[in-house]
C-alpha cells in the first residue's frame, strides 16, 4: 500500500506571531501504524523540506511512545526533514492521502490550491483511494 502524508508548511498562528505547525503526535502515531503495517509512505508539504512542528505538541506533558520512537528514528527524521514539494505529487500514485493535524494546516492546506488536486482526485476515487485528516479544520 502506498500512502501520501501531507504536512503543513505554515509556521505562524494567524497574526499572533506565535509559532505553530503540525501536531507531532498526529503525525507520529499514524506514521508508525502505516509503517508497521508495511505501507510505503511519502511525506509531502507545500514548500517541501522540513515542515514546522507546533512547539506545544512537543512539550513534556504531551509526549507519547510514537513521538519518542519518531525522535529516535534516524530514517523517519530524514524523511521528515526532506518532504517532497506538494506541487510535484500526483494523487493517482497513492492508495490513500492522509493529512496530520495541527494549527498550521488551517492556513496552508485547508484552502490550498496545491492541495485541491489531491483531495479532488481522492474524492472522485473514494471507493479505492480514501483520504483522511486528523484535524477538525478539514
Protein backbone atom coordinates (compact mmCIF):
# COMPACT_ATOMS: atom_id res chain seq x y z
CA UNK A 1 0.00 0.00 0.00
CA UNK A 2 1.26 3.49 -0.89
CA UNK A 3 0.28 6.33 1.44
CA UNK A 4 0.84 10.05 0.94
CA UNK A 5 1.07 12.02 4.19
CA UNK A 6 0.63 15.76 3.57
CA UNK A 7 2.06 18.05 6.24
CA UNK A 8 1.75 21.81 6.65
CA UNK A 9 4.48 24.33 5.81
CA UNK A 10 2.74 27.11 7.79
CA UNK A 11 4.61 28.16 10.94
CA UNK A 12 2.69 31.14 12.45
CA UNK A 13 -0.59 31.09 14.38
CA UNK A 14 -2.57 33.71 12.46
CA UNK A 15 -1.42 37.23 13.23
CA UNK A 16 -0.42 36.37 16.82
CA UNK A 17 3.22 35.81 15.86
CA UNK A 18 3.19 32.60 17.89
CA UNK A 19 4.81 29.53 16.30
CA UNK A 20 2.70 26.64 15.08
CA UNK A 21 2.87 23.82 12.55
CA UNK A 22 1.74 20.21 12.58
CA UNK A 23 0.90 18.38 15.81
CA UNK A 24 3.69 15.87 16.35
CA UNK A 25 1.55 13.05 17.82
CA UNK A 26 -0.94 13.39 14.94
CA UNK A 27 1.94 12.66 12.59
CA UNK A 28 3.95 10.11 14.60
CA UNK A 29 1.15 7.75 15.68
CA UNK A 30 -0.34 7.18 12.20
CA UNK A 31 3.11 7.15 10.59
CA UNK A 32 4.09 4.11 12.65
CA UNK A 33 0.73 2.40 12.25
CA UNK A 34 1.26 2.69 8.49
CA UNK A 35 4.97 1.74 8.61
CA UNK A 36 4.40 -1.24 10.88
CA UNK A 37 1.70 -2.48 8.52
CA UNK A 38 4.21 -2.46 5.66
CA UNK A 39 2.97 0.66 3.87
CA UNK A 40 5.22 2.70 1.62
CA UNK A 41 4.94 6.30 2.88
CA UNK A 42 5.73 9.51 1.04
CA UNK A 43 5.83 12.73 3.06
CA UNK A 44 4.91 15.95 1.26
CA UNK A 45 4.31 19.60 2.17
CA UNK A 46 3.51 22.76 0.18
CA UNK A 47 7.08 24.10 0.40
CA UNK A 48 8.93 20.79 0.65
CA UNK A 49 11.70 20.24 3.17
CA UNK A 50 11.26 20.26 6.94
CA UNK A 51 7.68 21.08 7.96
CA UNK A 52 7.30 23.11 11.18
CA UNK A 53 6.33 21.23 14.34
CA UNK A 54 3.95 23.02 16.69
CA UNK A 55 6.15 23.53 19.77
CA UNK A 56 3.17 22.97 22.11
CA UNK A 57 2.77 19.48 20.68
CA UNK A 58 6.31 18.65 21.78
CA UNK A 59 6.00 19.81 25.38
CA UNK A 60 6.98 17.23 28.04
CA UNK A 61 3.36 16.66 29.13
CA UNK A 62 2.38 15.73 25.56
CA UNK A 63 5.00 13.04 24.93
CA UNK A 64 3.86 9.64 23.67
CA UNK A 65 5.58 6.40 22.68
CA UNK A 66 5.11 7.21 18.99
CA UNK A 67 6.74 10.62 19.44
CA UNK A 68 9.71 9.10 21.28
CA UNK A 69 10.03 6.47 18.56
CA UNK A 70 9.98 9.15 15.88
CA UNK A 71 12.66 11.23 17.60
CA UNK A 72 14.89 8.18 17.95
CA UNK A 73 14.39 7.01 14.36
CA UNK A 74 17.06 8.48 12.03
CA UNK A 75 15.23 7.27 8.91
CA UNK A 76 11.97 8.94 9.98
CA UNK A 77 13.80 12.14 10.88
CA UNK A 78 15.48 12.18 7.48
CA UNK A 79 12.14 11.66 5.71
CA UNK A 80 10.56 14.44 7.75
CA UNK A 81 13.42 16.85 7.01
CA UNK A 82 13.09 16.17 3.28
CA UNK A 83 9.37 16.22 2.45
CA UNK A 84 8.69 16.48 -1.25
CA UNK A 85 7.09 19.63 -2.64
CA UNK A 86 3.35 19.06 -2.90
CA UNK A 87 3.02 20.55 -6.39
CA UNK A 88 5.07 17.68 -7.78
CA UNK A 89 2.85 14.95 -6.33
CA UNK A 90 0.05 13.15 -8.19
CA UNK A 91 -2.64 11.51 -6.11
CA UNK A 92 -3.17 8.67 -8.57
CA UNK A 93 0.13 7.14 -7.47
CA UNK A 94 -1.20 6.52 -3.96
CA UNK A 95 -3.79 4.30 -2.35
CA UNK A 96 -4.70 6.96 0.21
CA UNK A 97 -3.89 10.52 1.28
CA UNK A 98 -3.56 11.36 4.99
CA UNK A 99 -3.36 14.86 6.50
CA UNK A 100 -1.86 15.02 10.02
CA UNK A 101 -3.44 17.78 12.10
CA UNK A 102 -2.28 20.84 13.95
CA UNK A 103 -3.00 24.55 13.57
CA UNK A 104 -0.74 25.08 10.55
CA UNK A 105 -2.93 23.08 8.14
CA UNK A 106 -5.79 25.52 8.74
CA UNK A 107 -3.79 28.15 6.84
CA UNK A 108 -1.94 26.47 4.02
CA UNK A 109 -3.82 23.21 3.47
CA UNK A 110 -7.47 23.94 4.20
CA UNK A 111 -7.78 26.27 1.20
CA UNK A 112 -4.58 25.47 -0.66
CA UNK A 113 -4.63 25.34 -4.42
CA UNK A 114 -1.75 22.87 -4.21
CA UNK A 115 -3.88 20.55 -2.06
CA UNK A 116 -7.07 20.70 -4.10
CA UNK A 117 -5.99 18.34 -6.91
CA UNK A 118 -5.14 15.72 -4.28
CA UNK A 119 -8.43 15.97 -2.42
CA UNK A 120 -10.43 16.15 -5.67
CA UNK A 121 -8.67 13.08 -7.01
CA UNK A 122 -9.23 11.23 -3.74
CA UNK A 123 -12.86 12.28 -3.56
CA UNK A 124 -13.51 11.20 -7.16
CA UNK A 125 -11.91 7.82 -6.46
CA UNK A 126 -13.27 7.48 -2.91
CA UNK A 127 -14.11 3.81 -3.35
CA UNK A 128 -10.46 2.91 -3.90
CA UNK A 129 -8.49 5.98 -2.77
CA UNK A 130 -9.83 7.29 0.54
CA UNK A 131 -8.29 10.25 2.31
CA UNK A 132 -8.26 11.20 5.95
CA UNK A 133 -7.40 14.15 8.17
CA UNK A 134 -6.83 14.30 11.92
CA UNK A 135 -7.80 17.93 12.46
CA UNK A 136 -11.34 19.28 12.79
CA UNK A 137 -10.40 22.18 10.48
CA UNK A 138 -10.78 19.95 7.42
